[in-house]
Amino acid sequence: MLASTTASVATNTMNKGDVLATARVAGTQAAKQAASLLPMSHLVLVSNVHLNFTIADTHIDVDASVDAVDRTGVEMEALTAVTVAALTIYDMCKSADRTMTIGNVALWEKSGGRAGTWRREEALRDSNDVEAEH
């Protein structure tokens, strides 16, 4: 995104309101709705969703962490959370900046479920990644 767009988000001067607060709510709602959006995903009782945003000069990193009471991984919930949060940022900023792109949504860490714990190698990270963790 343009530097002027990230500045507007950081100073909370975007026309549609508080971009990051809205994206946080949207991402949280999305995590809880993953099973209704993804046909092969099963319903999981989500206990916590945390979304964090890091504003850089020309981009905003979105990081989500999701916990569940169930004995299963919730990577689809976390990936859905970051994707919808990023879409919300786009939606709220598009009148000021149509050059924005959303890219590199990736799972960085997962625990629980049959597969157990998994972590992406640090060397594979890209500075423009949107992160999802469980």
C-alpha atoms as a PDB file:
ATOM      1  CA  MET A   1       0.000   0.000   0.000  1.00  0.00           C
ATOM      2  CA  LEU A   2       1.040   3.589  -0.306  1.00  0.00           C
ATOM      3  CA  ALA A   3       2.931   5.162   2.574  1.00  0.00           C
ATOM      4  CA  SER A   4       0.150   7.721   2.892  1.00  0.00           C
ATOM      5  CA  THR A   5      -2.328   4.888   3.436  1.00  0.00           C
ATOM      6  CA  THR A   6      -0.338   3.298   6.244  1.00  0.00           C
ATOM      7  CA  ALA A   7       0.054   6.763   7.782  1.00  0.00           C
ATOM      8  CA  SER A   8      -3.730   7.249   7.702  1.00  0.00           C
ATOM      9  CA  VAL A   9      -4.281   3.847   9.287  1.00  0.00           C
ATOM     10  CA  ALA A  10      -1.678   4.573  11.974  1.00  0.00           C
ATOM     11  CA  THR A  11      -3.183   7.959  12.832  1.00  0.00           C
ATOM     12  CA  ASN A  12      -6.750   6.633  12.613  1.00  0.00           C
ATOM     13  CA  THR A  13      -7.761   9.193   9.981  1.00  0.00           C
ATOM     14  CA  MET A  14      -9.223   6.863   7.354  1.00  0.00           C
ATOM     15  CA  ASN A  15     -12.726   7.962   6.262  1.00  0.00           C
ATOM     16  CA  LYS A  16     -14.429   4.681   7.208  1.00  0.00           C
ATOM     17  CA  GLY A  17     -13.141   4.723  10.791  1.00  0.00           C
ATOM     18  CA  ASP A  18     -10.713   2.712  12.894  1.00  0.00           C
ATOM     19  CA  VAL A  19      -9.288   0.269  10.367  1.00  0.00           C
ATOM     20  CA  LEU A  20      -7.367  -2.005  12.694  1.00  0.00           C
ATOM     21  CA  ALA A  21     -10.110  -2.266  15.325  1.00  0.00           C
ATOM     22  CA  THR A  22     -12.591  -3.207  12.603  1.00  0.00           C
ATOM     23  CA  ALA A  23     -10.141  -5.690  11.051  1.00  0.00           C
ATOM     24  CA  ARG A  24      -9.582  -7.262  14.487  1.00  0.00           C
ATOM     25  CA  VAL A  25     -13.324  -7.810  14.963  1.00  0.00           C
ATOM     26  CA  ALA A  26     -13.746  -9.104  11.397  1.00  0.00           C
ATOM     27  CA  GLY A  27     -10.845 -11.536  11.777  1.00  0.00           C
ATOM     28  CA  THR A  28     -12.186 -12.806  15.087  1.00  0.00           C
ATOM     29  CA  GLN A  29     -15.635 -13.362  13.594  1.00  0.00           C
ATOM     30  CA  ALA A  30     -14.101 -15.092  10.574  1.00  0.00           C
ATOM     31  CA  ALA A  31     -12.111 -17.522  12.731  1.00  0.00           C
ATOM     32  CA  LYS A  32     -15.336 -18.551  14.426  1.00  0.00           C
ATOM     33  CA  GLN A  33     -17.065 -19.048  11.050  1.00  0.00           C
ATOM     34  CA  ALA A  34     -14.348 -21.042   9.254  1.00  0.00           C
ATOM     35  CA  ALA A  35     -16.382 -24.258   9.233  1.00  0.00           C
ATOM     36  CA  SER A  36     -19.294 -22.532   7.494  1.00  0.00           C
ATOM     37  CA  LEU A  37     -16.969 -21.038   4.854  1.00  0.00           C
ATOM     38  CA  LEU A  38     -14.750 -24.047   4.132  1.00  0.00           C
ATOM     39  CA  PRO A  39     -16.756 -27.105   3.060  1.00  0.00           C
ATOM     40  CA  MET A  40     -14.321 -29.757   4.312  1.00  0.00           C
ATOM     41  CA  SER A  41     -13.461 -28.008   7.585  1.00  0.00           C
ATOM     42  CA  HIS A  42     -15.164 -29.215  10.732  1.00  0.00           C
ATOM     43  CA  LEU A  43     -16.737 -27.104  13.455  1.00  0.00           C
ATOM     44  CA  VAL A  44     -14.260 -26.294  16.211  1.00  0.00           C
ATOM     45  CA  LEU A  45     -14.997 -24.626  19.527  1.00  0.00           C
ATOM     46  CA  VAL A  46     -12.662 -21.624  19.350  1.00  0.00           C
ATOM     47  CA  SER A  47     -11.687 -20.280  22.767  1.00  0.00           C
ATOM     48  CA  ASN A  48      -9.335 -17.412  21.844  1.00  0.00           C
ATOM     49  CA  VAL A  49      -8.493 -15.402  18.763  1.00  0.00           C
ATOM     50  CA  HIS A  50      -5.710 -12.841  18.888  1.00  0.00           C
ATOM     51  CA  LEU A  51      -4.971 -10.580  15.943  1.00  0.00           C
ATOM     52  CA  ASN A  52      -1.935  -8.317  15.895  1.00  0.00           C
ATOM     53  CA  PHE A  53      -1.021  -5.726  13.315  1.00  0.00           C
ATOM     54  CA  THR A  54       2.407  -4.304  12.576  1.00  0.00           C
ATOM     55  CA  ILE A  55       2.402  -1.115  10.538  1.00  0.00           C
ATOM     56  CA  ALA A  56       5.459  -0.624   8.345  1.00  0.00           C
ATOM     57  CA  ASP A  57       6.150   2.122   5.797  1.00  0.00           C
ATOM     58  CA  THR A  58       4.235   0.541   2.939  1.00  0.00           C
ATOM     59  CA  HIS A  59       2.443  -2.457   4.385  1.00  0.00           C
ATOM     60  CA  ILE A  60       0.639  -3.828   7.398  1.00  0.00           C
ATOM     61  CA  ASP A  61       1.551  -7.293   8.683  1.00  0.00           C
ATOM     62  CA  VAL A  62      -1.367  -9.268  10.072  1.00  0.00           C
ATOM     63  CA  ASP A  63      -0.715 -12.038  12.589  1.00  0.00           C
ATOM     64  CA  ALA A  64      -3.389 -14.299  14.074  1.00  0.00           C
ATOM     65  CA  SER A  65      -3.204 -16.826  16.866  1.00  0.00           C
ATOM     66  CA  VAL A  66      -6.160 -19.102  17.552  1.00  0.00           C
ATOM     67  CA  ASP A  67      -6.752 -21.479  20.466  1.00  0.00           C
ATOM     68  CA  ALA A  68      -9.426 -24.127  20.808  1.00  0.00           C
ATOM     69  CA  VAL A  69     -10.705 -26.339  23.561  1.00  0.00           C
ATOM     70  CA  ASP A  70     -11.082 -29.212  21.113  1.00  0.00           C
ATOM     71  CA  ARG A  71      -8.211 -31.634  20.558  1.00  0.00           C
ATOM     72  CA  THR A  72      -7.586 -30.512  17.022  1.00  0.00           C
ATOM     73  CA  GLY A  73      -5.513 -27.969  15.178  1.00  0.00           C
ATOM     74  CA  VAL A  74      -7.133 -24.699  14.214  1.00  0.00           C
ATOM     75  CA  GLU A  75      -4.918 -23.635  11.354  1.00  0.00           C
ATOM     76  CA  MET A  76      -7.874 -23.085   9.025  1.00  0.00           C
ATOM     77  CA  GLU A  77      -9.445 -20.769  11.599  1.00  0.00           C
ATOM     78  CA  ALA A  78      -6.196 -18.783  11.900  1.00  0.00           C
ATOM     79  CA  LEU A  79      -5.722 -18.567   8.128  1.00  0.00           C
ATOM     80  CA  THR A  80      -9.337 -17.450   7.721  1.00  0.00           C
ATOM     81  CA  ALA A  81      -8.839 -14.822  10.432  1.00  0.00           C
ATOM     82  CA  VAL A  82      -5.796 -13.227   8.768  1.00  0.00           C
ATOM     83  CA  THR A  83      -7.354 -13.340   5.321  1.00  0.00           C
ATOM     84  CA  VAL A  84     -10.587 -11.652   6.396  1.00  0.00           C
ATOM     85  CA  ALA A  85      -8.670  -9.112   8.503  1.00  0.00           C
ATOM     86  CA  ALA A  86      -6.545  -8.260   5.436  1.00  0.00           C
ATOM     87  CA  LEU A  87      -9.670  -7.992   3.264  1.00  0.00           C
ATOM     88  CA  THR A  88     -11.208  -5.665   5.843  1.00  0.00           C
ATOM     89  CA  ILE A  89      -8.133  -3.431   5.751  1.00  0.00           C
ATOM     90  CA  TYR A  90      -8.388  -3.355   1.959  1.00  0.00           C
ATOM     91  CA  ASP A  91     -12.104  -2.577   2.066  1.00  0.00           C
ATOM     92  CA  MET A  92     -11.688   0.266   4.527  1.00  0.00           C
ATOM     93  CA  CYS A  93      -8.727   1.819   2.687  1.00  0.00           C
ATOM     94  CA  LYS A  94      -9.688   1.280  -0.965  1.00  0.00           C
ATOM     95  CA  SER A  95     -11.119   4.765  -1.432  1.00  0.00           C
ATOM     96  CA  ALA A  96      -7.688   6.208  -0.617  1.00  0.00           C
ATOM     97  CA  ASP A  97      -5.503   3.569  -2.277  1.00  0.00           C
ATOM     98  CA  ARG A  98      -6.486   1.137  -5.006  1.00  0.00           C
ATOM     99  CA  THR A  99      -2.872  -0.021  -5.446  1.00  0.00           C
ATOM    100  CA  MET A 100      -3.011  -2.218  -2.336  1.00  0.00           C
ATOM    101  CA  THR A 101      -2.386  -5.929  -2.631  1.00  0.00           C
ATOM    102  CA  ILE A 102      -2.848  -8.817  -0.241  1.00  0.00           C
ATOM    103  CA  GLY A 103      -0.157 -11.441  -0.407  1.00  0.00           C
ATOM    104  CA  ASN A 104       1.626 -14.372   1.110  1.00  0.00           C
ATOM    105  CA  VAL A 105      -0.826 -15.805   3.590  1.00  0.00           C
ATOM    106  CA  ALA A 106       1.022 -18.619   5.349  1.00  0.00           C
ATOM    107  CA  LEU A 107       0.832 -20.876   8.377  1.00  0.00           C
ATOM    108  CA  TRP A 108       3.856 -20.414  10.650  1.00  0.00           C
ATOM    109  CA  GLU A 109       3.134 -22.699  13.549  1.00  0.00           C
ATOM    110  CA  LYS A 110       0.572 -25.325  14.501  1.00  0.00           C
ATOM    111  CA  SER A 111       0.054 -27.577  17.471  1.00  0.00           C
ATOM    112  CA  GLY A 112      -2.663 -30.050  18.325  1.00  0.00           C
ATOM    113  CA  GLY A 113      -4.551 -32.510  16.205  1.00  0.00           C
ATOM    114  CA  ARG A 114      -3.259 -35.789  14.817  1.00  0.00           C
ATOM    115  CA  ALA A 115      -0.263 -34.181  13.120  1.00  0.00           C
ATOM    116  CA  GLY A 116       1.051 -32.646  16.352  1.00  0.00           C
ATOM    117  CA  THR A 117       3.359 -29.629  16.340  1.00  0.00           C
ATOM    118  CA  TRP A 118       4.676 -28.079  13.138  1.00  0.00           C
ATOM    119  CA  ARG A 119       6.776 -24.943  12.584  1.00  0.00           C
ATOM    120  CA  ARG A 120       7.796 -23.273   9.349  1.00  0.00           C
ATOM    121  CA  GLU A 121      11.518 -22.836   8.917  1.00  0.00           C
ATOM    122  CA  GLU A 122      12.608 -19.242   9.530  1.00  0.00           C
ATOM    123  CA  ALA A 123      14.499 -19.239   6.204  1.00  0.00           C
ATOM    124  CA  LEU A 124      11.217 -19.609   4.311  1.00  0.00           C
ATOM    125  CA  ARG A 125       9.700 -16.431   5.736  1.00  0.00           C
ATOM    126  CA  ASP A 126       9.041 -13.490   3.464  1.00  0.00           C
ATOM    127  CA  SER A 127       8.894  -9.988   4.934  1.00  0.00           C
ATOM    128  CA  ASN A 128       5.489  -9.425   3.323  1.00  0.00           C
ATOM    129  CA  ASP A 129       3.844 -12.533   4.709  1.00  0.00           C
ATOM    130  CA  VAL A 130       0.543 -12.460   6.485  1.00  0.00           C
ATOM    131  CA  GLU A 131       0.978 -14.873   9.382  1.00  0.00           C
ATOM    132  CA  ALA A 132      -1.329 -17.361  10.999  1.00  0.00           C
ATOM    133  CA  GLU A 133      -0.454 -19.374  14.072  1.00  0.00           C
ATOM    134  CA  HIS A 134      -2.119 -21.877  16.316  1.00  0.00           C
END
